[in-house]
Amino acid sequence: MKIVRKTLVGALALAPTPLFACAACYGKSDSPLAQGMNWGIFTLLGVITPVLGCFAFCFIRMINREEAANKQDNAPKNISEL
């Protein structure tokens, strides 16, 4: 019984199903599906760009603080050290 059940599940999993192309592949670039896909792309770009910008800002700020700290450490403490 288990062999029959496994064979049936395997046959159903491997059964061919019709494939439908997306609006861009099908050629209807003015369809609602294509417009939704474009808005999805723009939304992802609108989210990813500020996040990457914040990471870049943080790294640039850390580098600038590190350089300022190094300059402060290397500066002479008083006139007698000159």
Protein backbone atom coordinates (compact mmCIF):
# COMPACT_ATOMS: atom_id res chain seq x y z
CA MET A 1 0.00 0.00 0.00
CA LYS A 2 2.84 2.39 0.84
CA ILE A 3 4.52 1.71 -2.50
CA VAL A 4 1.30 2.49 -4.37
CA ARG A 5 0.85 5.71 -2.39
CA LYS A 6 4.47 6.81 -3.03
CA THR A 7 4.13 6.00 -6.72
CA LEU A 8 0.89 7.98 -6.97
CA VAL A 9 2.39 11.00 -5.18
CA GLY A 10 5.48 10.83 -7.40
CA ALA A 11 3.37 10.59 -10.56
CA LEU A 12 1.25 13.57 -9.52
CA ALA A 13 4.34 15.61 -8.67
CA LEU A 14 5.90 14.91 -12.05
CA ALA A 15 2.70 15.30 -14.07
CA PRO A 16 2.95 17.96 -16.76
CA THR A 17 0.99 21.15 -16.18
CA PRO A 18 0.39 24.03 -18.58
CA LEU A 19 2.84 26.89 -18.26
CA PHE A 20 1.76 30.46 -18.83
CA ALA A 21 4.20 33.17 -19.83
CA CYS A 22 4.29 36.45 -17.97
CA ALA A 23 3.05 39.64 -19.57
CA ALA A 24 6.55 40.75 -20.55
CA CYS A 25 7.35 37.43 -22.27
CA TYR A 26 3.93 37.15 -23.86
CA GLY A 27 4.20 40.59 -25.45
CA LYS A 28 1.43 42.49 -23.68
CA SER A 29 3.51 45.15 -21.96
CA ASP A 30 0.44 47.35 -21.35
CA SER A 31 -1.48 44.72 -19.39
CA PRO A 32 -2.28 45.18 -15.69
CA LEU A 33 0.09 42.32 -14.86
CA ALA A 34 3.01 44.15 -16.50
CA GLN A 35 2.08 47.41 -14.79
CA GLY A 36 1.94 45.65 -11.43
CA MET A 37 5.32 44.05 -12.07
CA ASN A 38 6.81 47.45 -12.93
CA TRP A 39 5.37 49.03 -9.77
CA GLY A 40 6.77 46.14 -7.75
CA ILE A 41 10.22 46.75 -9.19
CA PHE A 42 10.01 50.48 -8.45
CA THR A 43 8.81 49.75 -4.91
CA LEU A 44 11.75 47.43 -4.27
CA LEU A 45 14.14 50.03 -5.63
CA GLY A 46 12.50 52.63 -3.40
CA VAL A 47 13.11 50.45 -0.34
CA ILE A 48 16.57 49.11 -1.16
CA THR A 49 18.13 52.44 -2.18
CA PRO A 50 17.56 54.24 1.16
CA VAL A 51 18.70 51.18 3.13
CA LEU A 52 21.96 50.96 1.17
CA GLY A 53 22.35 54.72 1.50
CA CYS A 54 22.07 54.44 5.29
CA PHE A 55 24.74 51.72 5.34
CA ALA A 56 27.05 53.88 3.22
CA PHE A 57 26.38 56.89 5.48
CA CYS A 58 27.23 54.85 8.58
CA PHE A 59 30.49 53.56 7.13
CA ILE A 60 31.53 57.02 5.89
CA ARG A 61 30.74 58.48 9.31
CA MET A 62 32.75 55.78 11.08
CA ILE A 63 35.72 56.41 8.77
CA ASN A 64 35.57 60.16 9.38
CA ARG A 65 35.39 59.69 13.16
CA GLU A 66 38.31 57.28 13.05
CA GLU A 67 40.40 59.79 11.07
CA ALA A 68 39.46 62.59 13.47
CA ALA A 69 40.43 60.45 16.46
CA ASN A 70 43.80 59.60 14.84
CA LYS A 71 44.50 63.28 14.14
CA GLN A 72 43.64 64.15 17.71
CA ASP A 73 45.94 61.43 19.06
CA ASN A 74 48.84 62.55 16.85
CA ALA A 75 48.44 66.26 17.66
CA PRO A 76 51.02 67.71 20.09
CA LYS A 77 49.71 67.95 23.64
CA ASN A 78 51.50 71.18 24.54
CA ILE A 79 54.10 73.57 23.20
CA SER A 80 57.04 71.80 24.85
CA GLU A 81 56.49 68.71 22.66
CA LEU A 82 57.15 70.69 19.48
